[in-house]
Amino acid sequence: MNKGISDDFFKNVKSSFKLYKDCRRELSEKIIENNRWFKSIQSEQSDDNMPIPSTGFLFNAIANKHADAMDNYPEPNILERTPEDSEEAKILTQIIPAQLEMNNFKHTYSRAWWYKLKNGAAAYGVFFNNKLNGGIGDIDITHIDLLNLYWEPYITDIQQSQYLFITAFDTKENLSRLYPDKKNQLEAEKDNDTTEIYSYNPSLSSEVYKDKLLVIDCYYKKPNPDGTTAVHLLKYCGDTILSCSEEQGEEGLYRHGMYPVVIDPLFPDADSPVGFGIIDIVKNPQRYIDKLDYIISKNALMSGKIRYLIKDNGGVNENELADMGKDIIHVAGSVDDTNIRQFQTAPLDAFIFQHRIQKISELKEIAGNRDFQQGGTTGGVTAYGAIVALQQAGEKISRDMINEGYEAYRKIVYMMIELIRQFFTEPRSYRIDNGVDREYITYSNSNLEMQPLGQLFDGDDTVYRRPEFDVAVIPQKHNPYNKVSQNQLAIELYGLGIFNPDNIDQSLMMLELMQFDGKEKIAGKLKNIKESMTALSGLAPTQP
């Protein structure tokens, strides 16, 4: 057994992993089923040879919510808690977006939102990867599939979990290269039981994973003597321990004391850190719409085809009757309704078509994906302002979803600051584009370490303080409507004379009562104009 890890502790870790896995079997099955629904691959099959229709309303609802999220992609604003850290907060506000861009975070954020809308939650991993950036290490933010993440049952915050497990598959060959001292033990490990593997394509699991081993990262917490919490990582495969951070000391893997995972739920559940997604609440109306489509389509085919009832001795040549290319049909004897009769399926009643329309409206209402949110008009509403007002009123659900996502984003940025504080001992260079020119910043964690305050009394030890910051989230407004409204507001302000130097005092009073993006920038420019005018009036010669 490795140093710092007892046999009993390792047994407890393995038994806890099995318990966590068994308790979230239902969630794993739901995620796989939701993915099938999203791709319109349903399990129901018709007993005739007709395909069951699969309408795209569910996909459309998810795609529109994803578009709303990306229209409001977040940006961080780092705020100092004490005046001494104001300059550091400004620099962090500049380099955090650059760090996120180096991580290709916008793509990660997009993939996480697709996953969140489908399955009810998304998980982000916020790690420090020693192999990045030429070997000096860098922050690594990834999207984690919930099928590979396990936590303690019946908790709502994963930071409260006794253990946190992240799983991945790797070949014996690669693992033996990474851990040469464990080669013999790894060769002795049994292959995976593919019946226990949750996969989006279970039929291929036996082939894909037959030569791979399940590697498990177990994160756990331990208190330090100084009152802080240490986060440790135990990496193992089967009965083989590959590595353990406790071998490197008691400080732990991350000094911030948190599991390096942030879960972003959509609609929260009462006893789980994850929630439920749009597919969970919309797939039943979608199922009924698809069944109604099947009934209507089948009836259209049947009612559009004319068939005939013919007596066995009716004397009609059935082959010629069925051949639509024949102009002449031979009969033996007379032809009347007693020996041949036309037969046609009756069309469905109108209420069935109306019921389908009502089900579509129900689905849109439940998903918060009504027509005017996509630019459509109903009830004679055609004015641009009225349509925009309807869109803004109907986007309450989207705004609520996005605001919940901002909370997860804030946690990610906070973890990034703590990783910078712990690991950025070497200076790093950043290119900052402010839209006008470029600025290059060299940054390290020197101003984030404990800062000396001096001695309270003679003979006392030096007192230190830890720079602390808050994270505010500012959405990037990519919606074209926001640009139009901002431009219209600027024109209206100009018409009101707010930029007239003679009205600056009144303009500043009015701006204090208004709420819109960029207000502070306008107020700052007006104050600068006022100060310039005051300075010029002081230099003007006094009239005799």
Protein backbone atom coordinates (compact mmCIF):
# COMPACT_ATOMS: atom_id res chain seq x y z
CA MET A 1 0.00 0.00 0.00
CA ASN A 2 1.20 3.52 -0.81
CA LYS A 3 2.52 5.88 1.79
CA GLY A 4 -0.25 7.83 3.52
CA ILE A 5 -3.04 5.47 2.35
CA SER A 6 -4.20 2.66 4.60
CA ASP A 7 -5.87 -0.55 3.46
CA ASP A 8 -9.08 0.38 5.28
CA PHE A 9 -9.21 3.80 3.64
CA PHE A 10 -8.74 2.35 0.16
CA LYS A 11 -11.44 -0.27 0.78
CA ASN A 12 -13.79 2.49 1.92
CA VAL A 13 -13.04 4.50 -1.24
CA LYS A 14 -13.84 1.53 -3.50
CA SER A 15 -17.03 0.62 -1.64
CA SER A 16 -18.15 4.28 -1.73
CA PHE A 17 -17.62 4.40 -5.49
CA LYS A 18 -19.83 1.33 -5.96
CA LEU A 19 -22.51 2.87 -3.73
CA TYR A 20 -22.44 6.20 -5.56
CA LYS A 21 -22.65 4.42 -8.89
CA ASP A 22 -25.59 2.23 -7.87
CA CYS A 23 -27.52 5.18 -6.45
CA ARG A 24 -27.34 7.18 -9.64
CA ARG A 25 -28.15 4.41 -12.06
CA GLU A 26 -31.49 6.05 -12.82
CA LEU A 27 -29.80 9.35 -13.75
CA SER A 28 -27.38 7.57 -16.09
CA GLU A 29 -30.20 5.80 -17.89
CA LYS A 30 -32.14 9.07 -18.18
CA ILE A 31 -29.16 10.87 -19.75
CA ILE A 32 -28.77 8.17 -22.39
CA GLU A 33 -32.50 8.18 -23.16
CA ASN A 34 -32.60 11.98 -23.38
CA ASN A 35 -29.78 11.90 -25.89
CA ARG A 36 -31.82 9.51 -28.04
CA TRP A 37 -34.81 11.84 -27.83
CA PHE A 38 -32.72 14.84 -28.80
CA LYS A 39 -31.52 13.02 -31.92
CA SER A 40 -35.14 11.94 -32.63
CA ILE A 41 -34.27 8.25 -32.24
CA GLN A 42 -37.28 6.80 -30.43
CA SER A 43 -37.83 3.34 -29.10
CA GLU A 44 -41.45 3.02 -30.35
CA GLN A 45 -41.85 1.17 -33.63
CA SER A 46 -45.07 0.76 -35.62
CA ASP A 47 -46.50 -2.72 -36.09
CA ASP A 48 -46.95 -2.01 -39.80
CA ASN A 49 -44.15 -0.97 -42.11
CA MET A 50 -44.83 2.76 -41.81
CA PRO A 51 -42.16 4.91 -40.14
CA ILE A 52 -43.25 6.78 -37.00
CA PRO A 53 -42.84 10.53 -37.62
CA SER A 54 -40.52 12.47 -35.33
CA THR A 55 -41.26 16.20 -35.29
CA GLY A 56 -38.57 18.73 -34.44
CA PHE A 57 -40.40 20.83 -31.84
CA LEU A 58 -38.28 19.52 -28.99
CA PHE A 59 -35.05 20.22 -30.84
CA ASN A 60 -36.31 23.69 -31.74
CA ALA A 61 -37.09 24.50 -28.10
CA ILE A 62 -33.59 23.48 -26.97
CA ALA A 63 -31.86 25.22 -29.87
CA ASN A 64 -33.61 28.50 -29.10
CA LYS A 65 -32.70 28.38 -25.40
CA HIS A 66 -29.09 27.65 -26.37
CA ALA A 67 -29.11 30.65 -28.72
CA ASP A 68 -30.39 32.85 -25.87
CA ALA A 69 -27.54 31.68 -23.65
CA MET A 70 -24.88 32.38 -26.25
CA ASP A 71 -26.41 35.80 -27.01
CA ASN A 72 -25.71 36.62 -23.35
CA TYR A 73 -22.25 35.05 -23.07
CA PRO A 74 -20.76 36.22 -19.73
CA GLU A 75 -17.68 38.28 -18.95
CA PRO A 76 -16.11 38.63 -15.47
CA ASN A 77 -15.63 41.85 -13.56
CA ILE A 78 -13.27 41.40 -10.60
CA LEU A 79 -14.03 43.67 -7.65
CA GLU A 80 -11.65 44.40 -4.78
CA ARG A 81 -12.77 44.15 -1.16
CA THR A 82 -10.24 46.70 0.11
CA PRO A 83 -8.87 49.82 -1.61
CA GLU A 84 -5.34 48.40 -1.53
CA ASP A 85 -6.32 45.75 -4.11
CA SER A 86 -8.08 48.02 -6.63
CA GLU A 87 -5.23 47.95 -9.16
CA GLU A 88 -4.90 44.17 -8.84
CA ALA A 89 -8.64 43.78 -9.44
CA LYS A 90 -8.35 45.83 -12.67
CA ILE A 91 -5.50 43.64 -13.91
CA LEU A 92 -7.38 40.43 -13.06
CA THR A 93 -10.42 41.78 -14.94
CA GLN A 94 -8.17 42.02 -18.00
CA ILE A 95 -6.26 38.74 -17.77
CA ILE A 96 -9.12 36.41 -16.70
CA PRO A 97 -10.94 36.80 -20.08
CA ALA A 98 -7.59 36.26 -21.85
CA GLN A 99 -7.05 33.11 -19.77
CA LEU A 100 -10.54 31.88 -20.66
CA GLU A 101 -9.89 32.54 -24.34
CA MET A 102 -6.67 30.48 -24.17
CA ASN A 103 -8.82 27.66 -22.73
CA ASN A 104 -11.27 27.99 -25.66
CA PHE A 105 -13.89 28.42 -22.95
CA LYS A 106 -16.59 29.76 -25.24
CA HIS A 107 -16.70 26.38 -27.00
CA THR A 108 -16.76 24.61 -23.62
CA TYR A 109 -19.54 26.92 -22.44
CA SER A 110 -21.55 26.19 -25.59
CA ARG A 111 -21.20 22.40 -25.26
CA ALA A 112 -22.08 22.60 -21.58
CA TRP A 113 -25.27 24.51 -22.36
CA TRP A 114 -26.38 21.91 -24.94
CA TYR A 115 -25.79 19.22 -22.32
CA LYS A 116 -27.50 21.24 -19.57
CA LEU A 117 -30.64 21.88 -21.60
CA LYS A 118 -30.93 18.21 -22.56
CA ASN A 119 -30.08 16.55 -19.25
CA GLY A 120 -30.78 19.10 -16.53
CA ALA A 121 -27.22 20.02 -15.52
CA ALA A 122 -23.72 20.59 -16.82
CA ALA A 123 -20.43 20.00 -15.01
CA TYR A 124 -17.24 22.02 -15.45
CA GLY A 125 -13.82 20.83 -14.31
CA VAL A 126 -11.47 23.63 -13.21
CA PHE A 127 -8.03 22.02 -12.94
CA PHE A 128 -4.38 23.03 -13.00
CA ASN A 129 -2.59 20.96 -15.63
CA ASN A 130 1.19 20.76 -15.08
CA LYS A 131 1.76 19.64 -18.69
CA LEU A 132 0.38 22.79 -20.33
CA ASN A 133 2.18 25.99 -21.35
CA GLY A 134 5.55 24.44 -22.07
CA GLY A 135 5.70 22.50 -18.82
CA ILE A 136 5.14 25.37 -16.37
CA GLY A 137 1.46 24.43 -16.15
CA ASP A 138 -1.75 26.31 -16.78
CA ILE A 139 -5.43 26.40 -15.88
CA ASP A 140 -7.44 23.76 -17.71
CA ILE A 141 -11.25 24.13 -17.85
CA THR A 142 -13.19 21.21 -19.30
CA HIS A 143 -16.76 20.03 -19.69
CA ILE A 144 -17.35 16.77 -17.79
CA ASP A 145 -19.97 14.26 -18.91
CA LEU A 146 -22.23 13.45 -15.94
CA LEU A 147 -21.91 9.77 -16.89
CA ASN A 148 -18.30 10.05 -15.69
CA LEU A 149 -18.98 11.97 -12.45
CA TYR A 150 -20.10 10.42 -9.16
CA TRP A 151 -20.97 12.09 -5.84
CA GLU A 152 -22.53 11.17 -2.51
CA PRO A 153 -26.28 10.45 -2.79
CA TYR A 154 -28.95 12.81 -1.43
CA ILE A 155 -26.90 16.01 -1.23
CA THR A 156 -27.48 19.23 -3.16
CA ASP A 157 -23.90 20.59 -3.10
CA ILE A 158 -21.05 18.38 -4.33
CA GLN A 159 -18.67 20.25 -2.02
CA GLN A 160 -20.43 18.39 0.83
CA SER A 161 -19.71 14.98 -0.68
CA GLN A 162 -17.32 12.74 1.23
CA TYR A 163 -15.68 11.72 -2.04
CA LEU A 164 -15.96 12.94 -5.62
CA PHE A 165 -15.15 10.49 -8.42
CA ILE A 166 -14.27 11.27 -12.04
CA THR A 167 -13.79 8.28 -14.36
CA ALA A 168 -12.06 7.79 -17.69
CA PHE A 169 -10.86 4.87 -19.80
CA ASP A 170 -7.29 4.26 -20.88
CA THR A 171 -5.35 1.39 -22.41
CA LYS A 172 -3.04 -0.84 -20.38
CA GLU A 173 -0.21 0.10 -22.70
CA ASN A 174 -0.57 3.82 -22.07
CA LEU A 175 -1.03 3.39 -18.32
CA SER A 176 2.08 1.22 -18.14
CA ARG A 177 4.04 3.95 -19.90
CA LEU A 178 2.77 6.63 -17.51
CA TYR A 179 3.28 4.47 -14.42
CA PRO A 180 6.17 2.11 -15.23
CA ASP A 181 6.49 0.98 -11.60
CA LYS A 182 2.87 -0.29 -11.75
CA LYS A 183 3.23 -2.20 -15.03
CA ASN A 184 2.97 -5.71 -13.56
CA GLN A 185 -0.02 -4.80 -11.42
CA LEU A 186 -1.81 -3.20 -14.37
CA GLU A 187 -1.21 -6.25 -16.58
CA ALA A 188 -2.88 -8.36 -13.90
CA GLU A 189 -5.99 -6.15 -13.78
CA LYS A 190 -9.14 -7.69 -15.22
CA ASP A 191 -10.79 -6.24 -18.30
CA ASN A 192 -13.90 -4.13 -17.82
CA ASP A 193 -17.31 -5.69 -17.39
CA THR A 194 -19.01 -3.92 -20.28
CA THR A 195 -22.47 -4.61 -18.81
CA GLU A 196 -21.59 -2.08 -16.09
CA ILE A 197 -20.53 0.64 -18.54
CA TYR A 198 -22.97 3.42 -19.33
CA SER A 199 -22.55 4.39 -22.94
CA TYR A 200 -24.54 6.32 -25.53
CA ASN A 201 -24.16 3.26 -27.76
CA PRO A 202 -24.22 0.21 -25.46
CA SER A 203 -24.06 -2.22 -28.37
CA LEU A 204 -20.49 -1.08 -29.12
CA SER A 205 -19.26 -1.05 -25.52
CA SER A 206 -17.85 -4.56 -25.63
CA GLU A 207 -15.66 -3.69 -28.63
CA VAL A 208 -14.65 -0.14 -27.67
CA TYR A 209 -13.71 -0.86 -24.06
CA LYS A 210 -12.48 -4.45 -24.25
CA ASP A 211 -8.76 -3.49 -24.14
CA LYS A 212 -9.15 -0.53 -21.78
CA LEU A 213 -9.17 -0.10 -18.03
CA LEU A 214 -11.34 2.21 -15.98
CA VAL A 215 -9.17 4.84 -14.28
CA ILE A 216 -10.81 6.54 -11.30
CA ASP A 217 -9.84 9.92 -9.86
CA CYS A 218 -11.04 10.13 -6.26
CA TYR A 219 -11.01 13.61 -4.73
CA TYR A 220 -11.40 13.89 -0.96
CA LYS A 221 -10.88 16.52 1.73
CA LYS A 222 -8.86 16.57 4.93
CA PRO A 223 -8.55 19.32 7.55
CA ASN A 224 -5.13 20.93 8.04
CA PRO A 225 -3.69 21.83 11.47
CA ASP A 226 -4.04 25.56 10.65
CA GLY A 227 -7.81 25.19 10.15
CA THR A 228 -7.78 25.15 6.35
CA THR A 229 -9.03 22.28 4.22
CA ALA A 230 -6.79 20.27 1.91
CA VAL A 231 -8.12 18.63 -1.27
CA HIS A 232 -6.32 15.40 -2.15
CA LEU A 233 -6.42 13.22 -5.24
CA LEU A 234 -6.21 9.43 -5.22
CA LYS A 235 -5.88 7.93 -8.71
CA TYR A 236 -6.45 4.19 -8.96
CA CYS A 237 -7.39 1.44 -11.39
CA GLY A 238 -9.11 -1.65 -10.01
CA ASP A 239 -7.00 -2.67 -7.03
CA THR A 240 -3.93 -0.73 -8.18
CA ILE A 241 -3.18 2.71 -6.72
CA LEU A 242 -1.50 4.79 -9.42
CA SER A 243 -0.76 7.96 -7.43
CA CYS A 244 -1.85 9.90 -4.36
CA SER A 245 -1.30 13.58 -3.56
CA GLU A 246 -0.83 12.80 0.16
CA GLU A 247 2.58 11.41 -0.77
CA GLN A 248 3.64 14.97 -1.65
CA GLY A 249 2.60 16.39 1.73
CA GLU A 250 -0.39 17.50 3.76
CA GLU A 251 -0.96 20.76 1.86
CA GLY A 252 -3.05 18.92 -0.69
CA LEU A 253 -3.64 19.37 -4.38
CA TYR A 254 -5.53 22.67 -4.18
CA ARG A 255 -5.20 25.21 -1.40
CA HIS A 256 -8.66 26.69 -2.01
CA GLY A 257 -10.14 23.61 -0.31
CA MET A 258 -12.83 22.92 -2.94
CA TYR A 259 -13.43 20.04 -5.29
CA PRO A 260 -12.34 21.27 -8.76
CA VAL A 261 -15.80 20.73 -10.23
CA VAL A 262 -18.69 23.18 -10.69
CA ILE A 263 -22.17 21.82 -11.43
CA ASP A 264 -24.62 24.11 -13.21
CA PRO A 265 -28.22 22.82 -12.82
CA LEU A 266 -31.10 23.90 -15.06
CA PHE A 267 -34.23 23.18 -13.00
CA PRO A 268 -32.97 22.17 -9.51
CA ASP A 269 -34.03 18.96 -7.82
CA ALA A 270 -34.67 18.66 -4.08
CA ASP A 271 -32.17 15.94 -3.24
CA SER A 272 -29.47 16.21 -5.92
CA PRO A 273 -26.90 18.75 -7.18
CA VAL A 274 -28.24 18.15 -10.70
CA GLY A 275 -31.76 18.87 -11.90
CA PHE A 276 -33.99 18.03 -14.83
CA GLY A 277 -33.89 19.40 -18.34
CA ILE A 278 -36.21 20.52 -21.09
CA ILE A 279 -36.45 17.01 -22.57
CA ASP A 280 -37.73 15.68 -19.23
CA ILE A 281 -40.70 18.07 -19.24
CA VAL A 282 -41.38 18.21 -22.99
CA LYS A 283 -40.96 14.66 -24.23
CA ASN A 284 -44.50 13.55 -23.21
CA PRO A 285 -46.24 16.24 -25.31
CA GLN A 286 -43.70 15.50 -28.06
CA ARG A 287 -44.60 11.80 -27.88
CA TYR A 288 -48.31 12.54 -28.30
CA ILE A 289 -47.63 14.91 -31.22
CA ASP A 290 -45.59 12.21 -32.94
CA LYS A 291 -48.35 9.63 -32.41
CA LEU A 292 -50.95 12.00 -33.79
CA ASP A 293 -48.68 12.65 -36.77
CA TYR A 294 -48.47 8.90 -37.32
CA ILE A 295 -52.25 8.51 -37.19
CA ILE A 296 -52.84 11.44 -39.54
CA SER A 297 -50.13 10.30 -41.98
CA LYS A 298 -51.46 6.74 -42.03
CA ASN A 299 -55.01 7.96 -42.57
CA ALA A 300 -53.84 10.21 -45.42
CA LEU A 301 -52.27 7.26 -47.18
CA MET A 302 -55.28 5.01 -46.61
CA SER A 303 -57.97 7.58 -47.47
CA GLY A 304 -56.06 8.65 -50.58
CA LYS A 305 -56.08 5.13 -51.98
CA ILE A 306 -59.20 3.66 -53.62
CA ARG A 307 -59.77 -0.08 -53.20
CA TYR A 308 -62.49 -2.38 -54.52
CA LEU A 309 -64.74 -5.08 -53.11
CA ILE A 310 -65.23 -7.81 -55.79
CA LYS A 311 -67.24 -11.02 -55.55
CA ASP A 312 -65.33 -14.21 -56.22
CA ASN A 313 -67.58 -14.81 -59.26
CA GLY A 314 -67.97 -11.15 -60.23
CA GLY A 315 -66.32 -11.68 -63.60
CA VAL A 316 -63.89 -8.70 -63.25
CA ASN A 317 -60.25 -9.09 -64.31
CA GLU A 318 -58.56 -8.07 -61.02
CA ASN A 319 -55.08 -7.69 -62.52
CA GLU A 320 -56.31 -5.23 -65.15
CA LEU A 321 -58.35 -3.36 -62.50
CA ALA A 322 -55.29 -2.90 -60.27
CA ASP A 323 -53.10 -1.78 -63.19
CA MET A 324 -53.62 1.99 -63.50
CA GLY A 325 -51.95 1.90 -66.93
CA LYS A 326 -54.72 -0.20 -68.47
CA ASP A 327 -57.33 1.74 -70.42
CA ILE A 328 -59.58 -1.31 -70.93
CA ILE A 329 -60.70 -3.72 -68.23
CA HIS A 330 -62.30 -7.01 -69.35
CA VAL A 331 -65.34 -8.33 -67.53
CA ALA A 332 -67.48 -11.41 -67.98
CA GLY A 333 -71.17 -10.57 -67.82
CA SER A 334 -72.78 -7.43 -66.52
CA VAL A 335 -71.12 -5.06 -64.00
CA ASP A 336 -73.15 -3.51 -61.18
CA ASP A 337 -72.89 -2.77 -57.45
CA THR A 338 -73.74 -6.35 -56.58
CA ASN A 339 -70.43 -7.78 -57.84
CA ILE A 340 -68.02 -4.79 -57.54
CA ARG A 341 -68.05 -1.88 -55.15
CA GLN A 342 -65.62 0.96 -54.52
CA PHE A 343 -64.14 1.06 -51.00
CA GLN A 344 -62.27 4.04 -49.48
CA THR A 345 -61.18 4.86 -45.91
CA ALA A 346 -62.96 7.90 -44.48
CA PRO A 347 -60.78 10.93 -43.58
CA LEU A 348 -60.27 11.75 -39.92
CA ASP A 349 -62.53 14.22 -38.15
CA ALA A 350 -61.32 17.82 -37.92
CA PHE A 351 -61.08 17.71 -34.12
CA ILE A 352 -58.06 15.35 -34.39
CA PHE A 353 -56.14 17.94 -36.42
CA GLN A 354 -57.19 20.63 -33.94
CA HIS A 355 -56.05 18.45 -31.05
CA ARG A 356 -52.61 18.15 -32.64
CA ILE A 357 -52.37 21.94 -32.94
CA GLN A 358 -53.36 22.28 -29.27
CA LYS A 359 -50.65 19.78 -28.27
CA ILE A 360 -48.05 21.78 -30.22
CA SER A 361 -49.19 24.94 -28.41
CA GLU A 362 -48.94 23.09 -25.09
CA LEU A 363 -45.37 22.00 -25.86
CA LYS A 364 -44.36 25.55 -26.80
CA GLU A 365 -45.95 26.93 -23.66
CA ILE A 366 -44.26 24.41 -21.37
CA ALA A 367 -40.87 24.98 -23.02
CA GLY A 368 -41.27 28.77 -23.04
CA ASN A 369 -40.67 28.75 -26.78
CA ARG A 370 -43.58 30.69 -28.20
CA ASP A 371 -43.73 32.00 -31.77
CA PHE A 372 -43.03 35.67 -31.10
CA GLN A 373 -39.74 34.75 -29.42
CA GLN A 374 -38.56 33.53 -32.82
CA GLY A 375 -39.78 36.62 -34.68
CA GLY A 376 -43.22 35.26 -35.54
CA THR A 377 -46.39 37.34 -35.12
CA THR A 378 -49.82 36.36 -33.87
CA GLY A 379 -53.05 38.24 -33.25
CA GLY A 380 -52.29 40.96 -35.76
CA VAL A 381 -49.18 42.24 -33.95
CA THR A 382 -46.88 43.64 -36.62
CA ALA A 383 -45.22 46.75 -35.11
CA TYR A 384 -41.51 46.30 -34.36
CA GLY A 385 -41.78 47.77 -30.87
CA ALA A 386 -44.75 45.58 -29.98
CA ILE A 387 -43.01 42.42 -31.18
CA VAL A 388 -39.90 43.34 -29.18
CA ALA A 389 -42.03 43.98 -26.08
CA LEU A 390 -43.62 40.54 -26.45
CA GLN A 391 -40.20 38.96 -26.88
CA GLN A 392 -38.83 40.63 -23.77
CA ALA A 393 -41.89 39.61 -21.72
CA GLY A 394 -41.67 36.03 -22.99
CA GLU A 395 -37.97 35.64 -22.23
CA LYS A 396 -38.43 35.45 -18.46
CA ILE A 397 -37.68 31.72 -18.44
CA SER A 398 -34.55 32.19 -20.57
CA ARG A 399 -33.32 35.05 -18.38
CA ASP A 400 -33.83 32.93 -15.26
CA MET A 401 -31.90 30.02 -16.81
CA ILE A 402 -29.09 32.34 -17.87
CA ASN A 403 -28.84 33.99 -14.44
CA GLU A 404 -28.51 30.57 -12.82
CA GLY A 405 -25.74 29.80 -15.28
CA TYR A 406 -23.98 33.01 -14.29
CA GLU A 407 -23.73 31.72 -10.73
CA ALA A 408 -21.81 28.67 -11.96
CA TYR A 409 -19.64 30.96 -14.12
CA ARG A 410 -18.87 33.10 -11.05
CA LYS A 411 -17.68 29.99 -9.17
CA ILE A 412 -15.45 29.03 -12.12
CA VAL A 413 -13.82 32.49 -12.15
CA TYR A 414 -13.35 32.39 -8.38
CA MET A 415 -11.57 29.03 -8.68
CA MET A 416 -9.40 30.49 -11.45
CA ILE A 417 -8.31 33.33 -9.17
CA GLU A 418 -7.39 30.82 -6.47
CA LEU A 419 -5.41 28.70 -8.95
CA ILE A 420 -3.57 31.83 -10.11
CA ARG A 421 -2.81 32.63 -6.48
CA GLN A 422 -1.41 29.15 -5.86
CA PHE A 423 0.42 28.23 -9.08
CA PHE A 424 1.35 31.36 -11.06
CA THR A 425 4.76 31.81 -9.48
CA GLU A 426 6.43 32.37 -12.86
CA PRO A 427 5.60 35.59 -14.83
CA ARG A 428 3.26 35.03 -17.77
CA SER A 429 2.54 37.32 -20.70
CA TYR A 430 -0.96 38.29 -21.87
CA ARG A 431 -2.14 40.24 -24.92
CA ILE A 432 -5.08 42.49 -24.06
CA ASP A 433 -7.23 43.78 -26.93
CA ASN A 434 -9.38 46.73 -25.87
CA GLY A 435 -10.90 47.31 -29.30
CA VAL A 436 -8.59 50.23 -30.13
CA ASP A 437 -5.05 49.00 -29.60
CA ARG A 438 -3.17 46.14 -27.94
CA GLU A 439 -1.58 46.04 -24.54
CA TYR A 440 0.83 43.41 -23.22
CA ILE A 441 0.76 42.51 -19.53
CA THR A 442 3.26 40.39 -17.63
CA TYR A 443 1.65 38.89 -14.55
CA SER A 444 2.47 36.60 -11.62
CA ASN A 445 0.89 35.83 -8.26
CA SER A 446 3.23 38.09 -6.24
CA ASN A 447 0.46 40.57 -5.40
CA LEU A 448 -1.98 37.79 -4.49
CA GLU A 449 0.17 36.24 -1.77
CA MET A 450 -0.13 37.21 1.89
CA GLN A 451 0.67 40.92 2.26
CA PRO A 452 2.42 42.24 5.42
CA LEU A 453 0.53 44.90 7.37
CA GLY A 454 3.17 45.51 10.02
CA GLN A 455 3.06 45.02 13.79
CA LEU A 456 0.09 45.90 15.95
CA PHE A 457 2.32 46.47 18.99
CA ASP A 458 6.06 46.55 19.56
CA GLY A 459 7.44 43.05 19.84
CA ASP A 460 4.43 41.39 18.18
CA ASP A 461 4.75 39.23 15.11
CA THR A 462 4.07 40.84 11.75
CA VAL A 463 0.39 40.79 10.77
CA TYR A 464 -0.51 39.67 7.25
CA ARG A 465 -3.60 40.09 5.11
CA ARG A 466 -4.84 38.01 2.20
CA PRO A 467 -6.06 39.92 -0.88
CA GLU A 468 -9.69 38.96 -1.47
CA PHE A 469 -11.90 39.66 -4.45
CA ASP A 470 -15.53 39.38 -5.50
CA VAL A 471 -16.68 38.33 -8.95
CA ALA A 472 -19.46 40.12 -10.80
CA VAL A 473 -20.76 38.76 -14.12
CA ILE A 474 -21.47 41.08 -17.02
CA PRO A 475 -23.33 39.61 -20.04
CA GLN A 476 -22.07 40.29 -23.52
CA LYS A 477 -25.12 41.51 -25.41
CA HIS A 478 -24.93 39.95 -28.89
CA ASN A 479 -28.66 40.29 -29.52
CA PRO A 480 -29.25 42.67 -32.50
CA TYR A 481 -32.19 44.19 -30.61
CA ASN A 482 -29.85 45.47 -27.89
CA LYS A 483 -27.76 47.30 -30.49
CA VAL A 484 -30.87 48.90 -32.01
CA SER A 485 -32.24 49.94 -28.62
CA GLN A 486 -28.89 51.38 -27.52
CA ASN A 487 -28.60 53.38 -30.73
CA GLN A 488 -32.16 54.63 -30.35
CA LEU A 489 -31.49 55.64 -26.75
CA ALA A 490 -28.40 57.64 -27.80
CA ILE A 491 -30.48 59.50 -30.41
CA GLU A 492 -33.16 60.29 -27.84
CA LEU A 493 -30.60 61.54 -25.31
CA TYR A 494 -29.10 63.77 -27.97
CA GLY A 495 -32.53 65.14 -28.80
CA LEU A 496 -33.13 65.93 -25.13
CA GLY A 497 -29.97 68.02 -25.06
CA ILE A 498 -28.16 65.85 -22.57
CA PHE A 499 -24.85 66.44 -24.39
CA ASN A 500 -25.26 70.23 -24.38
CA PRO A 501 -22.47 71.76 -22.21
CA ASP A 502 -24.99 74.26 -20.80
CA ASN A 503 -27.13 71.40 -19.40
CA ILE A 504 -24.44 69.25 -17.80
CA ASP A 505 -25.64 69.62 -14.20
CA GLN A 506 -29.23 68.72 -15.13
CA SER A 507 -28.00 65.88 -17.37
CA LEU A 508 -25.99 64.32 -14.54
CA MET A 509 -29.02 64.48 -12.24
CA MET A 510 -31.15 62.74 -14.88
CA LEU A 511 -28.53 60.03 -15.48
CA GLU A 512 -28.54 59.18 -11.77
CA LEU A 513 -32.20 58.19 -12.07
CA MET A 514 -31.75 56.14 -15.26
CA GLN A 515 -30.71 52.50 -15.69
CA PHE A 516 -29.02 51.38 -18.91
CA ASP A 517 -25.72 49.91 -20.05
CA GLY A 518 -22.97 52.49 -20.53
CA LYS A 519 -24.53 55.07 -18.21
CA GLU A 520 -21.32 55.44 -16.18
CA LYS A 521 -19.28 56.07 -19.33
CA ILE A 522 -21.57 58.91 -20.45
CA ALA A 523 -21.62 60.43 -16.97
CA GLY A 524 -17.81 60.28 -16.83
CA LYS A 525 -17.45 62.09 -20.15
CA LEU A 526 -19.88 64.79 -19.04
CA LYS A 527 -17.94 65.28 -15.80
CA ASN A 528 -14.70 65.61 -17.80
CA ILE A 529 -16.30 68.27 -20.00
CA LYS A 530 -17.50 70.13 -16.92
CA GLU A 531 -14.03 70.04 -15.36
CA SER A 532 -12.44 71.29 -18.60
CA MET A 533 -14.92 74.15 -18.83
CA THR A 534 -14.30 75.09 -15.19
CA ALA A 535 -10.54 75.12 -15.77
CA LEU A 536 -10.88 77.27 -18.88
CA SER A 537 -13.14 79.78 -17.13
CA GLY A 538 -10.53 80.13 -14.37
CA LEU A 539 -7.84 80.99 -16.94
CA ALA A 540 -9.97 83.57 -18.77
CA PRO A 541 -8.96 87.24 -18.15
CA THR A 542 -11.17 89.17 -15.74
CA GLN A 543 -13.25 91.95 -17.39
CA PRO A 544 -12.53 95.46 -15.99
